[in-house]
Amino acid sequence: METSQSNDPCMPSVAACDLVTVPTRQGLEAVDILRRGPAADGVGPVLHDDGCGTLGFVVPAGTAAAWDVPGSTCTETDGRGLRLAPEPPVEGSDWLVPPGEADLATDPAVLRRALGEAARLIEAADSHR
């Protein structure tokens, strides 16, 4: 029996992660904001689920306990269901920002600000239609 394998959902020998899920439109705006900002190198993997119209941002474990951003959810993975591998972990999804091309996780404080700015941009754009 192999005992050296990790049950960690994110990476071998790296702490577990949580997943912040937002509507695709807000998530895409947030990714753009994160990539343009001073923390441009701090964007973790981002999963796009076409079937549900959502983006999922990988954040450090423990984020879910204090996550309270309206319009989003943060789910604890607890070592199950999410593998940061080149293949998407869920059928019908794909990596928008793949593992290996990103930090291990997005800083929750930075993500919170980006999601807030994205929501304001979307609201302003929609009010001018």
Protein backbone atom coordinates (compact mmCIF):
# COMPACT_ATOMS: atom_id res chain seq x y z
CA MET A 1 0.00 0.00 0.00
CA GLU A 2 1.38 3.38 -1.04
CA THR A 3 1.39 5.80 1.89
CA SER A 4 3.28 8.71 0.35
CA GLN A 5 0.35 9.96 -1.72
CA SER A 6 -1.37 13.09 -0.53
CA ASN A 7 -5.10 13.45 -0.07
CA ASP A 8 -4.70 17.20 -0.38
CA PRO A 9 -7.13 18.75 -2.87
CA CYS A 10 -4.71 21.34 -4.16
CA MET A 11 -1.15 20.15 -4.43
CA PRO A 12 0.96 17.50 -2.79
CA SER A 13 2.54 18.81 0.43
CA VAL A 14 0.56 22.09 0.23
CA ALA A 15 -2.24 23.08 2.61
CA ALA A 16 -5.83 22.44 1.56
CA CYS A 17 -7.76 25.12 -0.28
CA ASP A 18 -11.26 26.59 -0.43
CA LEU A 19 -13.14 27.65 -3.55
CA VAL A 20 -14.89 31.02 -4.01
CA THR A 21 -17.62 30.74 -6.66
CA VAL A 22 -19.09 33.78 -8.44
CA PRO A 23 -21.21 34.40 -11.55
CA THR A 24 -19.10 34.28 -14.71
CA ARG A 25 -19.53 37.95 -15.63
CA GLN A 26 -18.37 39.21 -12.24
CA GLY A 27 -15.60 36.62 -12.13
CA LEU A 28 -14.22 37.58 -15.54
CA GLU A 29 -14.20 41.25 -14.52
CA ALA A 30 -12.42 40.31 -11.29
CA VAL A 31 -9.77 38.28 -13.17
CA ASP A 32 -9.12 41.30 -15.41
CA ILE A 33 -8.86 43.57 -12.35
CA LEU A 34 -6.51 41.15 -10.60
CA ARG A 35 -4.26 40.84 -13.64
CA ARG A 36 -4.04 44.63 -14.12
CA GLY A 37 -3.48 45.50 -10.47
CA PRO A 38 -0.38 45.59 -8.30
CA ALA A 39 -1.00 41.96 -7.27
CA ALA A 40 -1.08 40.78 -10.91
CA ASP A 41 1.23 37.90 -10.09
CA GLY A 42 -0.95 36.85 -7.16
CA VAL A 43 -3.82 35.28 -9.09
CA GLY A 44 -4.34 31.63 -8.21
CA PRO A 45 -6.02 29.04 -10.41
CA VAL A 46 -9.48 29.94 -11.66
CA LEU A 47 -11.98 27.31 -12.79
CA HIS A 48 -14.72 28.12 -15.34
CA ASP A 49 -17.86 26.00 -15.13
CA ASP A 50 -19.71 26.61 -18.38
CA GLY A 51 -22.76 24.58 -17.36
CA CYS A 52 -23.40 26.61 -14.22
CA GLY A 53 -22.16 29.96 -15.53
CA THR A 54 -19.67 30.37 -12.70
CA LEU A 55 -16.00 30.96 -12.03
CA GLY A 56 -14.25 29.39 -9.07
CA PHE A 57 -11.22 31.06 -7.47
CA VAL A 58 -8.89 28.84 -5.46
CA VAL A 59 -8.21 30.53 -2.11
CA PRO A 60 -6.35 29.36 1.01
CA ALA A 61 -8.05 26.91 3.36
CA GLY A 62 -9.97 28.64 6.12
CA THR A 63 -11.27 31.41 3.87
CA ALA A 64 -14.81 29.98 3.92
CA ALA A 65 -15.14 30.55 7.67
CA ALA A 66 -15.12 34.35 7.23
CA TRP A 67 -16.29 34.78 3.63
CA ASP A 68 -19.26 37.16 3.38
CA VAL A 69 -19.12 38.73 -0.09
CA PRO A 70 -22.67 39.12 -1.48
CA GLY A 71 -23.33 37.21 -4.69
CA SER A 72 -20.59 34.66 -4.03
CA THR A 73 -20.07 31.51 -2.04
CA CYS A 74 -16.95 30.04 -0.51
CA THR A 75 -16.80 26.28 -0.09
CA GLU A 76 -14.38 24.30 2.02
CA THR A 77 -12.90 21.45 0.02
CA ASP A 78 -11.68 19.56 3.10
CA GLY A 79 -9.41 17.48 0.90
CA ARG A 80 -12.13 16.30 -1.43
CA GLY A 81 -13.37 17.10 -4.91
CA LEU A 82 -10.76 19.56 -6.19
CA ARG A 83 -7.44 18.58 -7.72
CA LEU A 84 -5.18 21.21 -9.20
CA ALA A 85 -4.08 19.24 -12.21
CA PRO A 86 -3.89 20.25 -15.86
CA GLU A 87 -7.20 18.47 -16.46
CA PRO A 88 -10.28 20.23 -15.06
CA PRO A 89 -11.59 18.53 -11.92
CA VAL A 90 -15.24 18.59 -13.01
CA GLU A 91 -16.71 17.47 -16.35
CA GLY A 92 -17.97 20.49 -18.31
CA SER A 93 -15.46 22.84 -16.71
CA ASP A 94 -12.08 24.16 -17.75
CA TRP A 95 -9.28 26.18 -16.21
CA LEU A 96 -9.43 29.89 -17.07
CA VAL A 97 -6.17 30.35 -15.15
CA PRO A 98 -4.60 26.89 -15.03
CA PRO A 99 -2.56 25.53 -12.16
CA GLY A 100 1.12 25.90 -12.89
CA GLU A 101 0.55 29.27 -14.58
CA ALA A 102 -0.64 30.84 -11.33
CA ASP A 103 0.09 31.19 -7.65
CA LEU A 104 -1.18 28.33 -5.49
CA ALA A 105 -4.16 30.42 -4.35
CA THR A 106 -5.56 33.94 -4.66
CA ASP A 107 -5.27 36.13 -1.57
CA PRO A 108 -8.83 36.42 -0.19
CA ALA A 109 -8.46 40.12 0.71
CA VAL A 110 -7.26 40.94 -2.80
CA LEU A 111 -10.07 38.84 -4.31
CA ARG A 112 -12.67 40.54 -2.09
CA ARG A 113 -11.57 43.98 -3.37
CA ALA A 114 -11.53 42.81 -7.00
CA LEU A 115 -15.01 41.29 -6.72
CA GLY A 116 -16.33 44.51 -5.18
CA GLU A 117 -14.82 46.60 -7.94
CA ALA A 118 -16.17 44.18 -10.56
CA ALA A 119 -19.68 44.43 -9.09
CA ARG A 120 -19.49 48.24 -9.20
CA LEU A 121 -18.29 48.21 -12.83
CA ILE A 122 -21.08 45.85 -13.86
CA GLU A 123 -23.70 47.94 -12.04
CA ALA A 124 -22.43 51.13 -13.70
CA ALA A 125 -22.40 49.50 -17.15
CA ASP A 126 -25.90 48.09 -16.70
CA SER A 127 -27.31 51.43 -15.48
CA HIS A 128 -26.15 53.14 -18.68
CA ARG A 129 -28.06 50.85 -21.02
